[in-house]
Amino acid sequence: MSIVSITRIVRFNAAHRVYNPALSDAENQRLFGKCNNPNWHGHNYTLEVTVEGAVEPRTGFVVNLADIKAIVEREIVDVVDHKNLNLDVPFMSGTIPSTENLVLACWRILAPAVAPARLAKLKLWETENQYVEYDGR
């Protein structure tokens, strides 16, 4: 049986402050620099959601991408878009809102939601020059 992967891209805007409350202000500034701005800063994120599975003979699809789009928009985009990751997003509560931690949180939410497809990879672009990838390992 052939396994095929397919990717849906979504975009959202969010603000955050990269800050560890267990550290001093000086240590936070040294570690996180301008990302530690106490007045927040924002990004135009791009999330690539890749799912994989066998092609269903009746439809020719691994999964209907319209379904994946609806899931990702409901579970992620609607929760984070134009929000402050530190203050407004329940699934980021108590977590340093780095891009690495954000992609892990997205994985925990999306992996069970995309069945019967299997979530294969998330790529989260924070800027046009920087992204993180996660494949569940």
Protein backbone atom coordinates (compact mmCIF):
# COMPACT_ATOMS: atom_id res chain seq x y z
CA MET A 1 0.00 0.00 0.00
CA SER A 2 1.37 3.39 -1.00
CA ILE A 3 1.53 6.15 1.61
CA VAL A 4 1.10 9.71 0.39
CA SER A 5 1.60 12.95 2.30
CA ILE A 6 -0.36 16.13 1.72
CA THR A 7 0.11 19.58 3.26
CA ARG A 8 -2.30 22.37 4.16
CA ILE A 9 -0.95 25.86 4.95
CA VAL A 10 -2.67 28.27 7.33
CA ARG A 11 -1.63 31.68 8.59
CA PHE A 12 -2.25 33.58 11.81
CA ASN A 13 -0.94 36.59 13.71
CA ALA A 14 -0.08 36.48 17.39
CA ALA A 15 1.88 38.41 19.99
CA HIS A 16 4.08 37.04 22.74
CA ARG A 17 6.87 37.74 25.15
CA VAL A 18 9.58 35.12 25.46
CA TYR A 19 10.09 35.19 29.21
CA ASN A 20 10.81 32.72 31.98
CA PRO A 21 9.29 33.94 35.27
CA ALA A 22 11.75 31.80 37.24
CA LEU A 23 14.63 33.97 36.00
CA SER A 24 15.59 37.54 36.85
CA ASP A 25 14.74 40.36 34.47
CA ALA A 26 18.45 40.68 33.65
CA GLU A 27 18.78 36.96 32.85
CA ASN A 28 15.62 37.03 30.71
CA GLN A 29 16.99 40.01 28.80
CA ARG A 30 20.36 38.30 28.31
CA LEU A 31 18.78 35.05 27.08
CA PHE A 32 15.90 36.34 24.99
CA GLY A 33 16.97 39.85 23.93
CA LYS A 34 14.36 41.83 22.02
CA CYS A 35 11.96 38.86 22.18
CA ASN A 36 11.72 39.61 25.92
CA ASN A 37 10.14 43.03 25.34
CA PRO A 38 7.75 43.54 28.31
CA ASN A 39 5.29 45.26 25.95
CA TRP A 40 5.12 42.15 23.72
CA HIS A 41 5.92 41.76 20.04
CA GLY A 42 4.14 39.95 17.25
CA HIS A 43 4.64 37.62 14.32
CA ASN A 44 2.81 36.67 11.16
CA TYR A 45 3.02 32.89 11.56
CA THR A 46 2.62 30.31 8.81
CA LEU A 47 1.76 26.76 9.85
CA GLU A 48 2.26 23.90 7.40
CA VAL A 49 0.27 20.83 8.44
CA THR A 50 1.35 17.63 6.70
CA VAL A 51 -0.75 14.49 7.03
CA GLU A 52 -0.14 11.11 5.48
CA GLY A 53 -1.95 7.90 4.77
CA ALA A 54 -3.13 5.53 2.12
CA VAL A 55 -5.12 6.90 -0.78
CA GLU A 56 -8.77 5.99 -0.29
CA PRO A 57 -9.89 4.27 -3.53
CA ARG A 58 -13.41 5.70 -3.46
CA THR A 59 -12.29 9.38 -3.27
CA GLY A 60 -8.68 9.34 -4.45
CA PHE A 61 -7.80 11.31 -1.29
CA VAL A 62 -5.63 10.56 1.71
CA VAL A 63 -8.06 12.84 3.51
CA ASN A 64 -10.24 15.68 2.32
CA LEU A 65 -8.10 18.83 2.70
CA ALA A 66 -11.24 20.86 3.37
CA ASP A 67 -11.65 18.76 6.53
CA ILE A 68 -8.02 19.37 7.54
CA LYS A 69 -8.44 23.10 6.93
CA ALA A 70 -11.58 23.18 9.11
CA ILE A 71 -9.87 21.24 11.91
CA VAL A 72 -6.75 23.43 11.92
CA GLU A 73 -8.76 26.64 11.78
CA ARG A 74 -11.08 25.54 14.61
CA GLU A 75 -8.43 24.03 16.90
CA ILE A 76 -5.49 26.39 16.28
CA VAL A 77 -6.15 29.49 14.18
CA ASP A 78 -9.40 30.53 15.87
CA VAL A 79 -7.71 30.15 19.27
CA VAL A 80 -4.46 32.04 18.56
CA ASP A 81 -5.16 34.52 15.75
CA HIS A 82 -4.74 38.13 16.91
CA LYS A 83 -4.18 36.91 20.46
CA ASN A 84 -1.38 37.16 23.01
CA LEU A 85 0.15 33.69 23.43
CA ASN A 86 1.17 34.51 27.01
CA LEU A 87 -2.23 35.75 28.14
CA ASP A 88 -5.04 34.62 25.84
CA VAL A 89 -4.29 31.08 24.68
CA PRO A 90 -5.25 28.35 27.16
CA PHE A 91 -3.09 25.64 25.56
CA MET A 92 0.01 27.82 26.04
CA SER A 93 -0.70 28.63 29.71
CA GLY A 94 2.35 28.09 31.91
CA THR A 95 4.62 27.56 28.90
CA ILE A 96 7.32 29.84 27.53
CA PRO A 97 5.72 30.78 24.18
CA SER A 98 8.73 30.07 21.99
CA THR A 99 8.04 28.86 18.47
CA GLU A 100 9.38 25.45 19.53
CA ASN A 101 6.85 25.18 22.36
CA LEU A 102 4.05 26.48 20.15
CA VAL A 103 4.65 23.80 17.50
CA LEU A 104 4.67 21.09 20.20
CA ALA A 105 1.34 22.35 21.57
CA CYS A 106 -0.14 22.40 18.06
CA TRP A 107 0.99 18.79 17.57
CA ARG A 108 -0.69 17.63 20.78
CA ILE A 109 -3.96 19.16 19.61
CA LEU A 110 -3.86 18.20 15.93
CA ALA A 111 -2.45 14.65 16.03
CA PRO A 112 -5.66 13.05 17.34
CA ALA A 113 -7.92 15.44 15.41
CA VAL A 114 -6.79 14.57 11.87
CA ALA A 115 -7.63 10.84 11.98
CA PRO A 116 -7.96 8.71 9.96
CA ALA A 117 -4.93 10.44 8.44
CA ARG A 118 -1.72 10.50 10.47
CA LEU A 119 -0.12 13.81 11.35
CA ALA A 120 3.32 13.49 9.76
CA LYS A 121 4.92 16.90 10.26
CA LEU A 122 4.28 20.45 11.36
CA LYS A 123 6.41 23.32 10.11
CA LEU A 124 5.81 26.62 11.88
CA TRP A 125 7.30 29.73 10.31
CA GLU A 126 7.84 32.56 12.79
CA THR A 127 9.43 34.85 10.19
CA GLU A 128 10.29 34.46 6.53
CA ASN A 129 13.80 33.47 7.67
CA GLN A 130 13.02 31.14 10.59
CA TYR A 131 10.89 28.08 11.16
CA VAL A 132 10.71 25.01 13.37
CA GLU A 133 9.68 21.51 12.34
CA TYR A 134 8.25 18.70 14.39
CA ASP A 135 7.40 15.16 13.32
CA GLY A 136 6.20 13.67 16.58
CA ARG A 137 9.53 12.28 17.78
